Structure formats: C-alpha cells, structure tokens
Amino acid sequence: MTKTLRALFELVMAREDVNFLVTNRIPRRLATRFMGWFSRIEQPLVRDASLAVWRAFADLRLHEAGQDRFRSLHECFIRSLKPGVRPIHADTDVVVSPCDAIVGACGRVEGTRVWQAKGFPYTLSDLLGDVPAAAIYRDGCYATLRITSSMYHRFHAPHDCRIDKITYFSGDTWNVNAIALERVERLFCRNERAAIEMRLASEGHPVTLVAVAAVLVASIRLRFLAGRLDLRYRGPNVIPCAAELAKGEELGWFEHGSTIIVFAPRGFTLHEAVHEGARLQMGEPLLRLPDGAQGRTGPAVSTEISPARAPGGAPLQSR
C-alpha cells in the first residue's frame, strides 16, 4: 500500500506544473510557520500519524538514526546519527561535504556569476549581500548541495576551521527543488538564508557555506548561536562569533530539508567524484585545496560528534 501511494504521488508530482503549484503557489510563510508549530507536537497519535504519512510519500530510512523513538515529528526531522556511520575523509587537502545531499549546479564561478539552473544565473553580491565578500570568490568554485526531506538534516564543518561571522537574511520560502530552480529567477537570493564565513585552519583559506531555507523549513539552528534563525528572528543581520571546529564536527541543522551552497576561492577544485546529480554523504570529498599534495591521507575519523568549542576550549552550548 505504501509503495503504491508513493508511486502515485511521484507520478503526480513529476508533472512540473502540478509540482510547482502544490509546493509554491500556497501561502508559503504561513505554511512554514504552521509546520514549525505542528511538527513539535509531542502527542503519540499525532507523531505516529505524521511519520506514517511521511513514510508513505518519501523514502524515509531511520536505520542510521541515533535513537529508536521520537517524541515528535520535529525530533525525527533533526535526528542525529549513530556513531561511525559517516566516516570523515581524513586527507588534509580535501574539504568534505558538510551534509548528505544531491549535487545541483556546481563548477567554476564565472567572475562573480553563479548558476542555480541552466539559464538562471545569480550574482555572489546578491546572494552574500556584500560586494567585498563576493570578490573573495571571483573565479572560484562552488557546489550546490540539496538536502531532500527524507535525508539526514544536520550539517558539519567541512574542514578544521574558525567561524568568525554569520550573516542572516530574512526572506521568502520558495521550494528549492529542481522544478522551482528552473522557474524562479534568483531563488537562492530571495529565500531565508545564513552565510557562514569560515577560514580553514591549515592555510587560512576562506570558505563560505550558505544555508538556504525553504518552504516548510525556514528555520536554521547553529550550535554556537543561542537563538534560532527563522521567520520570527528579530536580531542583528550580522552576527559576530568565534567558534573553532574540527573537520566533521556538527555545525547545526535544518528543520526539514533544504540546500547548502559551498563557495571556495580561486585555486580550489571540485573533487573528481562531484558532478551534477551525484549523491554525497557528509564526510565524503567535495573540494581539493589549491596545490594540494596528493595522497596525504590518514585513517577516516568517526562522526561521533563532540561539541563545537570556543577559542578558549569551552564547549559551546546547543539550545
């Protein structure tokens, strides 16, 4: 029965007009706020019915989850993993994928122009809201990583790094699936998002992760910030911070599924396994550092996550 329902749902949603209508031509912000409230209901009947519906329409696999039972739909959305199921590629010349994802548009930045889909460019200054920040990644490289609704929703440090600043943009909540990306110009620049600016510990190379929220999911949590970044956030746009993380340590999570776009400056290259349509797991190779010595590898490390730490060494508390 479940397979039949899923097949019927996929058949209907494969029609682009229907898909776009159902996922975008709705009161997106209202639906997103409602989902944020509904998913947190800790009532067994509501929880079980919600998970049953989710399983019926998506390939939800929980065998890797770090817990067997969930108090709410929300708790399942933001589930952690069992220790060791996401080994982190240990080559110091490799930047790893910060999340489980399907690779979307990727490749070279053309000056400061990037592609969300064929025929739909956007500029780094529009996305990052800052011309000097955009200039850092002129002629660099990028990868768009889409996290589907049934995937693991937490994201992690792609390398040993220090995070000094978060820039938060309140915005819309368009769906970020391929159909919407081919219809809505500058979609990533319109949506709720947070630009996470970091410097890699090895050579001080700048790398920026842009976490883009979407319909039903406009809520981003970062472990080293006290508050949630969502449609109700009324704090500063630019948030200074000082967090040092090891490669593979948890950065934060989305509350359903969305997109992370990774930007690196000129000299970085995409790993040979990264191309549009490829499926990546958190910890697998994403980028190579400039002039990296090949083969400088070590054993993969476990994904048993330790807390993010401030420069003094004290754990940063998750709320």
Protein backbone atom coordinates (compact mmCIF):
# COMPACT_ATOMS: atom_id res chain seq x y z
CA MET A 1 0.00 0.00 0.00
CA THR A 2 2.78 2.41 0.96
CA LYS A 3 4.68 1.71 -2.26
CA THR A 4 1.50 2.26 -4.29
CA LEU A 5 0.80 5.60 -2.62
CA ARG A 6 4.40 6.71 -3.11
CA ALA A 7 4.38 5.69 -6.77
CA LEU A 8 1.12 7.59 -7.34
CA PHE A 9 2.46 10.65 -5.52
CA GLU A 10 5.68 10.61 -7.55
CA LEU A 11 3.70 10.26 -10.78
CA VAL A 12 1.55 13.29 -9.95
CA MET A 13 4.47 15.38 -8.69
CA ALA A 14 6.51 14.54 -11.79
CA ARG A 15 4.20 16.88 -13.69
CA GLU A 16 6.09 20.14 -13.38
CA ASP A 17 3.04 22.42 -13.37
CA VAL A 18 1.38 20.41 -10.60
CA ASN A 19 4.58 20.19 -8.57
CA PHE A 20 5.20 23.91 -8.79
CA LEU A 21 1.58 24.72 -7.93
CA VAL A 22 1.44 22.41 -4.91
CA THR A 23 4.81 23.40 -3.44
CA ASN A 24 4.96 27.11 -4.27
CA ARG A 25 1.55 28.62 -5.08
CA ILE A 26 0.47 28.39 -1.47
CA PRO A 27 0.81 30.86 1.44
CA ARG A 28 4.45 29.85 1.86
CA ARG A 29 5.34 31.79 5.02
CA LEU A 30 2.09 30.86 6.75
CA ALA A 31 2.51 27.19 5.81
CA THR A 32 6.09 27.27 7.06
CA ARG A 33 5.12 28.74 10.43
CA PHE A 34 2.30 26.22 10.78
CA MET A 35 4.66 23.34 10.03
CA GLY A 36 7.12 24.64 12.60
CA TRP A 37 4.36 24.55 15.24
CA PHE A 38 2.73 21.30 14.16
CA SER A 39 5.96 19.30 13.90
CA ARG A 40 6.74 19.98 17.58
CA ILE A 41 3.52 18.48 18.94
CA GLU A 42 4.57 15.75 21.38
CA GLN A 43 1.43 13.66 21.20
CA PRO A 44 1.83 9.96 20.28
CA LEU A 45 -1.14 9.81 17.89
CA VAL A 46 -0.08 12.99 16.07
CA ARG A 47 3.53 11.83 15.94
CA ASP A 48 2.70 8.33 14.65
CA ALA A 49 0.22 9.59 12.04
CA SER A 50 2.70 12.22 10.83
CA LEU A 51 5.53 9.70 10.49
CA ALA A 52 3.21 7.27 8.68
CA VAL A 53 2.29 9.96 6.14
CA TRP A 54 5.94 10.91 5.72
CA ARG A 55 6.91 7.27 5.10
CA ALA A 56 4.08 6.89 2.60
CA PHE A 57 5.34 9.72 0.38
CA ALA A 58 9.11 9.64 0.91
CA ASP A 59 11.86 7.08 1.23
CA LEU A 60 12.39 7.69 4.94
CA ARG A 61 15.09 5.40 6.35
CA LEU A 62 15.83 5.58 10.04
CA HIS A 63 18.21 2.64 10.49
CA GLU A 64 21.15 5.06 10.85
CA ALA A 65 19.42 7.28 13.42
CA GLY A 66 20.98 7.59 16.83
CA GLN A 67 17.66 6.85 18.57
CA ASP A 68 14.82 4.38 18.07
CA ARG A 69 11.92 6.54 19.25
CA PHE A 70 11.00 10.16 18.63
CA ARG A 71 8.78 12.38 20.75
CA SER A 72 7.60 14.40 17.75
CA LEU A 73 7.89 14.79 14.01
CA HIS A 74 10.38 17.62 14.63
CA GLU A 75 12.63 15.33 16.64
CA CYS A 76 12.71 12.91 13.70
CA PHE A 77 13.49 15.75 11.26
CA ILE A 78 16.57 16.81 13.23
CA ARG A 79 17.71 13.31 14.21
CA SER A 80 21.37 12.62 14.88
CA LEU A 81 23.24 9.58 13.58
CA LYS A 82 24.76 6.54 15.21
CA PRO A 83 28.49 6.99 15.87
CA GLY A 84 30.68 5.92 12.96
CA VAL A 85 28.10 5.78 10.16
CA ARG A 86 29.60 8.84 8.41
CA PRO A 87 33.40 8.42 8.31
CA ILE A 88 35.16 11.73 7.62
CA HIS A 89 37.73 11.73 4.79
CA ALA A 90 40.97 12.49 6.60
CA ASP A 91 43.09 13.96 3.77
CA THR A 92 44.03 17.45 4.94
CA ASP A 93 43.99 18.68 1.33
CA VAL A 94 40.32 17.75 0.99
CA VAL A 95 37.27 19.78 2.01
CA VAL A 96 34.45 17.34 2.71
CA SER A 97 30.75 17.62 2.08
CA PRO A 98 29.11 19.27 5.10
CA CYS A 99 25.89 17.26 4.62
CA ASP A 100 24.15 14.38 2.91
CA ALA A 101 22.97 15.79 -0.40
CA ILE A 102 22.27 15.56 -4.09
CA VAL A 103 24.67 17.80 -6.01
CA GLY A 104 22.96 20.51 -8.02
CA ALA A 105 24.67 23.18 -10.11
CA CYS A 106 28.42 23.22 -9.46
CA GLY A 107 31.73 24.18 -11.05
CA ARG A 108 33.56 27.42 -11.67
CA VAL A 109 32.30 30.83 -10.62
CA GLU A 110 32.20 32.98 -13.79
CA GLY A 111 33.61 36.22 -12.42
CA THR A 112 31.06 36.66 -9.66
CA ARG A 113 28.21 34.95 -11.52
CA VAL A 114 26.88 31.56 -10.44
CA TRP A 115 24.16 29.30 -11.84
CA GLN A 116 21.21 27.92 -9.90
CA ALA A 117 19.99 26.07 -13.03
CA LYS A 118 20.54 26.28 -16.78
CA GLY A 119 19.59 29.78 -17.92
CA PHE A 120 19.14 31.10 -14.38
CA PRO A 121 22.25 32.89 -13.08
CA TYR A 122 22.64 34.94 -9.92
CA THR A 123 25.49 37.05 -8.58
CA LEU A 124 27.52 36.46 -5.45
CA SER A 125 26.84 40.00 -4.26
CA ASP A 126 23.08 39.33 -4.44
CA LEU A 127 23.45 36.10 -2.50
CA LEU A 128 26.00 37.27 0.08
CA GLY A 129 24.74 40.85 0.29
CA ASP A 130 28.27 42.22 0.22
CA VAL A 131 30.45 43.19 -2.73
CA PRO A 132 33.83 42.67 -0.92
CA ALA A 133 32.69 39.21 0.22
CA ALA A 134 31.69 38.38 -3.33
CA ALA A 135 35.09 39.47 -4.63
CA ILE A 136 36.80 36.83 -2.47
CA TYR A 137 35.20 34.10 -4.58
CA ARG A 138 35.65 35.73 -8.00
CA ASP A 139 36.61 32.95 -10.44
CA GLY A 140 36.50 30.44 -7.60
CA CYS A 141 34.38 27.31 -7.43
CA TYR A 142 31.11 26.28 -5.88
CA ALA A 143 28.82 23.33 -5.26
CA THR A 144 25.08 23.36 -4.59
CA LEU A 145 24.06 20.61 -2.16
CA ARG A 146 20.34 19.86 -1.92
CA ILE A 147 19.11 18.04 1.17
CA THR A 148 15.86 16.20 0.46
CA SER A 149 13.11 15.84 3.04
CA SER A 150 13.99 12.25 3.97
CA MET A 151 17.75 12.82 4.31
CA TYR A 152 19.83 13.45 7.42
CA HIS A 153 19.32 17.18 8.07
CA ARG A 154 22.33 18.14 10.15
CA PHE A 155 25.40 19.76 8.63
CA HIS A 156 29.01 19.72 9.73
CA ALA A 157 32.33 21.53 9.45
CA PRO A 158 33.88 20.70 6.05
CA HIS A 159 37.42 21.14 7.41
CA ASP A 160 39.20 22.26 10.57
CA CYS A 161 38.10 25.87 10.70
CA ARG A 162 37.31 29.02 12.62
CA ILE A 163 33.96 30.76 12.11
CA ASP A 164 34.05 34.49 12.75
CA LYS A 165 30.80 35.80 11.28
CA ILE A 166 27.29 34.79 10.30
CA THR A 167 25.22 36.99 8.01
CA TYR A 168 21.50 36.28 8.21
CA PHE A 169 18.98 37.26 5.52
CA SER A 170 15.27 37.17 6.20
CA GLY A 171 13.40 36.29 3.04
CA ASP A 172 10.89 34.16 1.23
CA THR A 173 10.40 30.41 1.45
CA TRP A 174 10.26 29.14 -2.14
CA ASN A 175 10.74 25.43 -2.63
CA VAL A 176 14.32 24.65 -3.70
CA ASN A 177 13.66 21.59 -5.85
CA ALA A 178 14.84 21.40 -9.45
CA ILE A 179 11.47 22.47 -10.86
CA ALA A 180 11.41 25.68 -8.82
CA LEU A 181 15.06 26.44 -9.62
CA GLU A 182 14.20 26.32 -13.32
CA ARG A 183 11.28 28.75 -12.92
CA VAL A 184 12.10 31.29 -10.20
CA GLU A 185 14.93 33.68 -11.03
CA ARG A 186 17.50 34.33 -8.28
CA LEU A 187 15.64 31.94 -5.99
CA PHE A 188 18.51 31.43 -3.55
CA CYS A 189 18.92 35.20 -3.28
CA ARG A 190 15.24 35.58 -2.32
CA ASN A 191 14.97 32.87 0.30
CA GLU A 192 15.72 32.88 4.01
CA ARG A 193 19.43 32.08 4.39
CA ALA A 194 22.53 32.32 6.55
CA ALA A 195 26.04 32.86 5.15
CA ILE A 196 28.58 31.13 7.40
CA GLU A 197 32.04 32.61 6.81
CA MET A 198 34.99 30.50 7.89
CA ARG A 199 38.73 30.24 7.49
CA LEU A 200 40.39 26.85 7.20
CA ALA A 201 42.86 26.11 9.96
CA SER A 202 45.54 24.75 7.62
CA GLU A 203 46.33 27.76 5.40
CA GLY A 204 43.67 30.29 6.38
CA HIS A 205 41.76 29.86 3.12
CA PRO A 206 38.29 31.46 3.22
CA VAL A 207 35.29 29.21 2.61
CA THR A 208 31.65 30.22 2.91
CA LEU A 209 28.67 27.96 3.43
CA VAL A 210 25.29 29.48 2.58
CA ALA A 211 22.47 27.60 4.30
CA VAL A 212 19.29 28.32 2.32
CA ALA A 213 15.95 27.58 3.94
CA ALA A 214 12.81 26.65 2.00
CA VAL A 215 9.07 26.18 2.24
CA LEU A 216 8.10 24.35 5.48
CA VAL A 217 11.71 24.59 6.63
CA ALA A 218 12.70 28.23 7.23
CA SER A 219 14.47 27.54 10.47
CA ILE A 220 18.23 27.19 10.78
CA ARG A 221 19.97 26.30 14.03
CA LEU A 222 23.70 26.79 14.60
CA ARG A 223 25.22 25.13 17.64
CA PHE A 224 27.35 28.11 18.59
CA LEU A 225 24.50 30.66 18.48
CA ALA A 226 21.93 30.96 21.24
CA GLY A 227 18.90 31.67 19.06
CA ARG A 228 17.13 30.11 16.11
CA LEU A 229 17.39 31.84 12.73
CA ASP A 230 13.88 31.74 11.33
CA LEU A 231 10.94 33.84 10.11
CA ARG A 232 10.41 35.23 13.63
CA TYR A 233 14.05 36.20 14.18
CA ARG A 234 14.46 39.90 15.03
CA GLY A 235 18.14 40.02 15.92
CA PRO A 236 21.09 41.60 14.08
CA ASN A 237 21.73 40.85 10.44
CA VAL A 238 25.48 40.40 11.02
CA ILE A 239 26.31 38.13 13.95
CA PRO A 240 29.95 38.09 15.12
CA CYS A 241 31.09 34.83 16.66
CA ALA A 242 34.25 32.94 17.46
CA ALA A 243 33.82 29.20 17.05
CA GLU A 244 36.57 26.72 16.27
CA LEU A 245 35.51 23.38 14.87
CA ALA A 246 37.28 20.24 13.82
CA LYS A 247 36.59 18.62 10.48
CA GLY A 248 33.30 16.76 10.77
CA GLU A 249 32.07 18.47 13.92
CA GLU A 250 28.44 19.43 13.89
CA LEU A 251 27.64 22.99 12.78
CA GLY A 252 23.86 22.94 13.01
CA TRP A 253 20.72 21.70 11.31
CA PHE A 254 17.72 22.49 9.19
CA GLU A 255 14.31 21.52 10.49
CA HIS A 256 13.22 19.62 7.38
CA GLY A 257 15.36 19.70 4.23
CA SER A 258 16.93 22.40 2.11
CA THR A 259 20.18 23.49 0.44
CA ILE A 260 23.74 24.40 1.33
CA ILE A 261 25.90 26.18 -1.25
CA VAL A 262 29.66 25.94 -0.66
CA PHE A 263 31.97 28.62 -2.09
CA ALA A 264 35.76 28.48 -2.26
CA PRO A 265 38.23 30.93 -3.85
CA ARG A 266 40.29 30.55 -6.99
CA GLY A 267 42.69 27.61 -6.82
CA PHE A 268 40.23 25.20 -5.24
CA THR A 269 38.82 22.47 -7.48
CA LEU A 270 35.86 20.14 -7.25
CA HIS A 271 36.74 16.59 -6.32
CA GLU A 272 36.54 14.31 -9.36
CA ALA A 273 33.51 12.45 -7.92
CA VAL A 274 31.47 15.67 -7.63
CA HIS A 275 29.16 16.45 -10.54
CA GLU A 276 25.56 17.48 -11.01
CA GLY A 277 23.25 14.68 -9.89
CA ALA A 278 25.85 12.92 -7.75
CA ARG A 279 24.80 11.78 -4.28
CA LEU A 280 27.15 12.62 -1.44
CA GLN A 281 27.19 11.71 2.20
CA MET A 282 28.51 14.01 4.87
CA GLY A 283 32.26 13.49 5.21
CA GLU A 284 32.92 12.45 1.61
CA PRO A 285 35.32 14.55 -0.53
CA LEU A 286 33.88 17.73 -2.04
CA LEU A 287 36.77 20.08 -2.89
CA ARG A 288 40.54 19.95 -3.14
CA LEU A 289 42.68 22.73 -1.67
CA PRO A 290 44.97 24.71 -4.02
CA ASP A 291 48.19 22.88 -4.92
CA GLY A 292 47.29 20.08 -2.53
CA ALA A 293 49.79 17.28 -2.17
CA GLN A 294 48.05 14.16 -3.45
CA GLY A 295 47.84 11.12 -1.27
CA ARG A 296 48.39 12.87 2.07
CA THR A 297 45.78 10.71 3.71
CA GLY A 298 45.18 9.15 7.05
CA PRO A 299 42.53 6.91 8.51
CA ALA A 300 38.97 8.19 8.31
CA VAL A 301 37.72 9.56 11.59
CA SER A 302 34.44 8.73 13.27
CA THR A 303 31.45 11.01 13.13
CA GLU A 304 30.85 10.69 16.85
CA ILE A 305 30.30 14.39 17.26
CA SER A 306 31.89 16.39 20.02
CA PRO A 307 30.63 19.87 20.89
CA ALA A 308 31.79 22.90 18.95
CA ARG A 309 34.31 24.83 21.00
CA ALA A 310 35.14 28.46 21.57
CA PRO A 311 38.76 29.59 21.22
CA GLY A 312 39.34 29.04 24.95
CA GLY A 313 38.34 25.41 24.68
CA ALA A 314 35.00 25.54 26.49
CA PRO A 315 32.14 23.73 24.76
CA LEU A 316 29.61 25.98 23.06
CA GLN A 317 26.16 25.07 24.27
CA SER A 318 23.40 23.96 21.91
CA ARG A 319 19.95 25.27 22.75
